[in-house]
Amino acid sequence: MKSKFKRKSRIREQRTTYLIVCEGYCEKIYFENLRCSERITNINVEIVNPRVSSPKSLCSYANNELKRKEYDRVFCVFDCDVLGEKHLPRECTSKTLQPIISRPCFELWFLLHFKYTNKKFCNCKELVNGELKKYIPDYDKTQNYHKKKNFYVLLKDKLEPACRNAEKLEQANSNNQIECGTLTNIHKIIKDIIGSNG
C-alpha cells in the first residue's frame, strides 16, 4: 500500500555566488565590512586579495578562479593610476568579469561620501593629503589602521550621496577609458550586492 504522504523534496536553492578580487587590503577590508554590516545572506560573497601587483595579473587570477569554480559574478577591484595603457588589459574584459576601477585610487570613493569632485589628482598621496584628510584627518593607508576602523559603517549614512557623486563622475567620463580623468565605479558593486541581498 502506497503512503498518502509525499516526502518533501530536499533540493536546496542554489545561492548566487560573487567573487570580489581586490588589488589592495583596504578594499578587501571595506568589502568584508560591507558583507558583515549588511548581513548578506541571499548571496554568497567571497573576497580575496591575491597580492598581485598589476590589473592584468589580478584579472588573470580572477579568470583562473572562474575555471576552477563556478561564480555568477566576478569583480576585479583595482586602481587605474598604475596603468600606462589606454584600454583595459584583455584579461579584464571577459563577459563574467567586471572591472571595478578607481582613478587615482580607492580613496576617491571615500572622498565622494563628503563631496563631488572631478579634479584630476596626480596620485593617491595628493588626493589623501590634499582632500580626504579634510574630512578624515587621521586617515592612513596601513592595514592595521583599516582593521581598526570600519569605513563601511562609519560612512554608511553618506552612501547615497557617494553613489550619486560616483554616477555623476561616470557620466563625465562617458567613454570609461583608462586615460580619463578622476573616476570610480565602486558604487556598481555596492548597489549590486545590496540589491541582490534585498
Protein backbone atom coordinates (compact mmCIF):
# COMPACT_ATOMS: atom_id res chain seq x y z
CA MET A 1 0.00 0.00 0.00
CA LYS A 2 1.35 3.41 -1.04
CA SER A 3 1.71 6.09 1.59
CA LYS A 4 -0.60 9.08 1.28
CA PHE A 5 2.19 11.35 2.39
CA LYS A 6 4.76 12.51 -0.11
CA ARG A 7 8.26 13.07 1.13
CA LYS A 8 9.22 16.73 0.78
CA SER A 9 11.95 17.44 -1.70
CA ARG A 10 15.26 18.30 -0.09
CA ILE A 11 16.56 20.24 -3.05
CA ARG A 12 18.29 23.31 -1.68
CA GLU A 13 18.02 26.53 -3.57
CA GLN A 14 21.37 27.39 -5.12
CA ARG A 15 22.63 30.76 -3.85
CA THR A 16 24.17 33.27 -6.23
CA THR A 17 27.93 33.38 -5.75
CA TYR A 18 30.06 36.51 -6.17
CA LEU A 19 33.83 36.70 -6.16
CA ILE A 20 35.50 40.03 -5.37
CA VAL A 21 39.20 40.10 -6.23
CA CYS A 22 40.88 43.14 -4.66
CA GLU A 23 44.20 44.69 -5.56
CA GLY A 24 44.71 46.07 -2.05
CA TYR A 25 43.93 45.15 1.54
CA CYS A 26 41.99 48.43 2.13
CA GLU A 27 39.44 47.35 -0.48
CA LYS A 28 39.28 43.81 0.89
CA ILE A 29 38.64 45.05 4.44
CA TYR A 30 36.00 47.52 3.19
CA PHE A 31 34.04 44.83 1.32
CA GLU A 32 34.34 42.40 4.25
CA ASN A 33 32.85 45.11 6.48
CA LEU A 34 30.04 45.66 3.96
CA ARG A 35 29.27 41.93 3.91
CA CYS A 36 29.13 41.74 7.72
CA SER A 37 27.27 45.01 8.25
CA GLU A 38 24.56 44.30 5.68
CA ARG A 39 24.25 40.67 6.85
CA ILE A 40 24.48 39.40 3.29
CA THR A 41 22.53 36.12 3.25
CA ASN A 42 20.83 35.80 -0.15
CA ILE A 43 24.15 35.65 -1.97
CA ASN A 44 27.49 34.09 -1.19
CA VAL A 45 30.25 36.74 -1.38
CA GLU A 46 33.88 35.62 -1.44
CA ILE A 47 36.51 38.35 -1.08
CA VAL A 48 40.19 37.76 -1.83
CA ASN A 49 43.40 39.76 -2.08
CA PRO A 50 45.81 37.60 -4.12
CA ARG A 51 48.66 40.10 -3.58
CA VAL A 52 49.48 40.60 -7.24
CA SER A 53 50.87 43.88 -8.48
CA SER A 54 49.01 44.73 -11.68
CA PRO A 55 45.43 44.80 -13.02
CA LYS A 56 46.48 42.32 -15.71
CA SER A 57 47.71 39.86 -13.06
CA LEU A 58 44.62 40.49 -10.92
CA CYS A 59 42.27 39.73 -13.81
CA SER A 60 44.32 36.67 -14.80
CA TYR A 61 43.94 35.40 -11.23
CA ALA A 62 40.17 36.01 -11.39
CA ASN A 63 39.89 34.19 -14.73
CA ASN A 64 41.79 31.21 -13.28
CA GLU A 65 39.37 31.16 -10.32
CA LEU A 66 36.49 31.12 -12.81
CA LYS A 67 37.95 27.99 -14.41
CA ARG A 68 38.38 26.36 -11.00
CA LYS A 69 34.95 27.21 -9.58
CA GLU A 70 31.65 28.50 -10.92
CA TYR A 71 30.78 32.09 -9.99
CA ASP A 72 27.76 34.12 -11.11
CA ARG A 73 29.62 37.42 -10.93
CA VAL A 74 33.30 38.25 -10.59
CA PHE A 75 34.50 41.76 -9.76
CA CYS A 76 38.13 42.89 -10.04
CA VAL A 77 38.76 45.96 -7.89
CA PHE A 78 41.86 47.95 -8.77
CA ASP A 79 43.33 51.44 -9.23
CA CYS A 80 43.90 52.90 -12.68
CA ASP A 81 46.89 55.03 -11.87
CA VAL A 82 49.21 52.03 -12.20
CA LEU A 83 48.24 51.56 -15.85
CA GLY A 84 50.06 53.26 -18.69
CA GLU A 85 47.80 51.83 -21.40
CA LYS A 86 44.70 53.47 -22.84
CA HIS A 87 42.45 50.40 -22.63
CA LEU A 88 41.86 47.73 -20.01
CA PRO A 89 44.05 44.65 -20.35
CA ARG A 90 42.46 41.85 -22.40
CA GLU A 91 42.33 39.69 -19.25
CA CYS A 92 39.90 42.21 -17.68
CA THR A 93 37.26 42.10 -20.40
CA SER A 94 35.55 38.69 -20.16
CA LYS A 95 31.73 38.52 -20.03
CA THR A 96 31.58 37.25 -16.44
CA LEU A 97 34.30 39.51 -15.05
CA GLN A 98 33.54 43.16 -14.28
CA PRO A 99 36.40 45.57 -13.63
CA ILE A 100 35.75 47.98 -10.74
CA ILE A 101 38.23 50.77 -11.20
CA SER A 102 39.23 53.91 -9.30
CA ARG A 103 41.42 56.72 -10.59
CA PRO A 104 43.70 57.62 -9.00
CA CYS A 105 42.88 55.28 -6.10
CA PHE A 106 40.22 53.63 -3.94
CA GLU A 107 40.31 56.56 -1.50
CA LEU A 108 38.41 58.60 -4.10
CA TRP A 109 35.38 56.50 -3.12
CA PHE A 110 35.74 57.67 0.50
CA LEU A 111 36.10 61.31 -0.62
CA LEU A 112 32.89 61.10 -2.68
CA HIS A 113 30.97 60.43 0.55
CA PHE A 114 31.75 64.04 1.53
CA LYS A 115 31.83 65.95 -1.77
CA TYR A 116 31.69 65.72 -5.53
CA THR A 117 34.96 66.39 -7.30
CA ASN A 118 36.22 65.85 -10.83
CA LYS A 119 39.66 67.26 -10.03
CA LYS A 120 42.47 65.31 -11.70
CA PHE A 121 44.81 64.11 -8.98
CA CYS A 122 48.39 63.23 -9.90
CA ASN A 123 48.43 60.33 -7.44
CA CYS A 124 46.80 58.90 -4.34
CA LYS A 125 49.03 60.85 -1.96
CA GLU A 126 47.78 64.13 -3.44
CA LEU A 127 44.15 63.01 -3.07
CA VAL A 128 44.58 61.81 0.52
CA ASN A 129 46.72 64.70 1.83
CA GLY A 130 45.08 67.45 -0.22
CA GLU A 131 41.41 66.46 0.11
CA LEU A 132 40.48 63.36 2.11
CA LYS A 133 42.27 64.44 5.31
CA LYS A 134 39.99 67.49 5.45
CA TYR A 135 37.22 65.05 6.33
CA ILE A 136 39.17 62.14 7.88
CA PRO A 137 42.19 63.92 9.47
CA ASP A 138 43.87 60.76 10.81
CA TYR A 139 43.47 58.76 7.56
CA ASP A 140 46.23 56.24 6.97
CA LYS A 141 46.60 53.64 4.22
CA THR A 142 48.05 50.98 6.50
CA GLN A 143 46.38 47.62 7.00
CA ASN A 144 46.30 47.97 10.80
CA TYR A 145 44.52 51.33 10.54
CA HIS A 146 41.84 49.88 8.25
CA LYS A 147 41.36 46.88 10.52
CA LYS A 148 40.71 49.18 13.48
CA LYS A 149 38.29 51.38 11.53
CA ASN A 150 35.16 50.18 9.79
CA PHE A 151 34.81 52.65 6.96
CA TYR A 152 31.71 51.00 5.56
CA VAL A 153 29.85 51.57 8.84
CA LEU A 154 31.47 54.96 9.54
CA LEU A 155 30.42 56.33 6.14
CA LYS A 156 27.20 54.38 5.62
CA ASP A 157 24.94 57.37 6.30
CA LYS A 158 26.66 59.11 3.34
CA LEU A 159 26.39 56.13 0.97
CA GLU A 160 23.60 57.55 -1.22
CA PRO A 161 25.40 60.85 -1.96
CA ALA A 162 28.61 58.88 -2.63
CA CYS A 163 26.78 56.75 -5.21
CA ARG A 164 25.25 59.84 -6.83
CA ASN A 165 28.67 61.52 -6.97
CA ALA A 166 30.27 58.42 -8.50
CA GLU A 167 27.49 58.21 -11.12
CA LYS A 168 28.00 61.88 -11.93
CA LEU A 169 31.73 61.26 -12.40
CA GLU A 170 30.97 58.25 -14.58
CA GLN A 171 28.80 60.41 -16.84
CA ALA A 172 31.60 62.98 -17.03
CA ASN A 173 33.94 60.18 -18.14
CA SER A 174 31.48 58.71 -20.63
CA ASN A 175 33.94 56.60 -22.60
CA ASN A 176 35.34 54.99 -19.39
CA GLN A 177 38.85 54.65 -20.84
CA ILE A 178 41.88 54.34 -18.60
CA GLU A 179 43.23 57.77 -19.62
CA CYS A 180 40.05 59.52 -18.48
CA GLY A 181 40.06 61.85 -15.52
CA THR A 182 39.08 61.14 -11.94
CA LEU A 183 36.57 58.30 -11.68
CA THR A 184 35.41 55.32 -9.69
CA ASN A 185 32.71 52.72 -10.23
CA ILE A 186 32.80 51.23 -6.73
CA HIS A 187 29.11 52.17 -6.46
CA LYS A 188 28.23 49.49 -9.04
CA ILE A 189 29.45 46.61 -6.92
CA ILE A 190 27.84 48.01 -3.76
CA LYS A 191 24.44 48.52 -5.44
CA ASP A 192 24.67 45.05 -6.98
CA ILE A 193 25.44 43.31 -3.68
CA ILE A 194 22.95 45.26 -1.55
CA GLY A 195 20.27 44.97 -4.27
CA SER A 196 20.79 41.21 -4.56
CA ASN A 197 20.57 40.81 -0.80
CA GLY A 198 17.17 42.53 -0.62
